[in-house]
């Protein structure tokens, strides 16, 4: 049974083991789940800023604050802020099952209940979704490498950074030592030229971050990277092969 067969069996058919799991869990803890469903659906679709969620969920900003606080207290969502500098927070769904369900299953429920196969529809959006999940996997890799002392410096702070139209997937910091590493995560196969172009982009973004007097390192994490050995003389590069080897 392949990946998509498993998804069909577990999630994408009426009566499947996890078909109603998020709905069931929320109804166990909340009286009326309608507004919460709208909020989680908006976040799962990528509307992660406060104003975006309010607009997509058709709610006033005043009432939205209360609902977000409840979901955060329950551990279903988390508010992220830029790892350095100031910036408005964004909201993420913590649980991967919830994220997948509200992104793909919930909006397709009527088709699923009619016995239709929705896998091909999901596949069209799936790479974009996996890209976001891969960012979290990349963070876990960096945390493991840091614990083993395999990064250029001891990282004491790690997270995303954004400001206006600029964004960096992961910024690793040691504020005492004034060292930083900027990381781009890509769910695709990269060649040497791709990696060098990405690092060039990171260097331009670095100009917008308040990292005066910091030593800055650059890292690219992708699904697959060609010529890693050669590239590793210039930058830090990791891919799925490194993850499977337990780096």
Foldseek 3Di string as FASTA:
>chain_A
DDPVVVCCQQDQAPPHVCPCVVVVVCVVPDVDCLLVLLQLLQVLVPQWFLVSSCVSSVHDSVVVVVSVVVCVVVVQKDWDAAQADGDGTTMHGDDPSSSCCSHPRVVCVVVNHVVHDCVVVCVVCVQVVVQVVVLVVVVVVVVLCLVVVNDPDRFPTKAKHDDDPDIFSMKTDDVVQLEIETEHEEADEEEPVRVVVVVVVVVVSVVVGPSPPHHYAYEYEYQHYPPQVVCVVRHHYYHVVVVVVPD
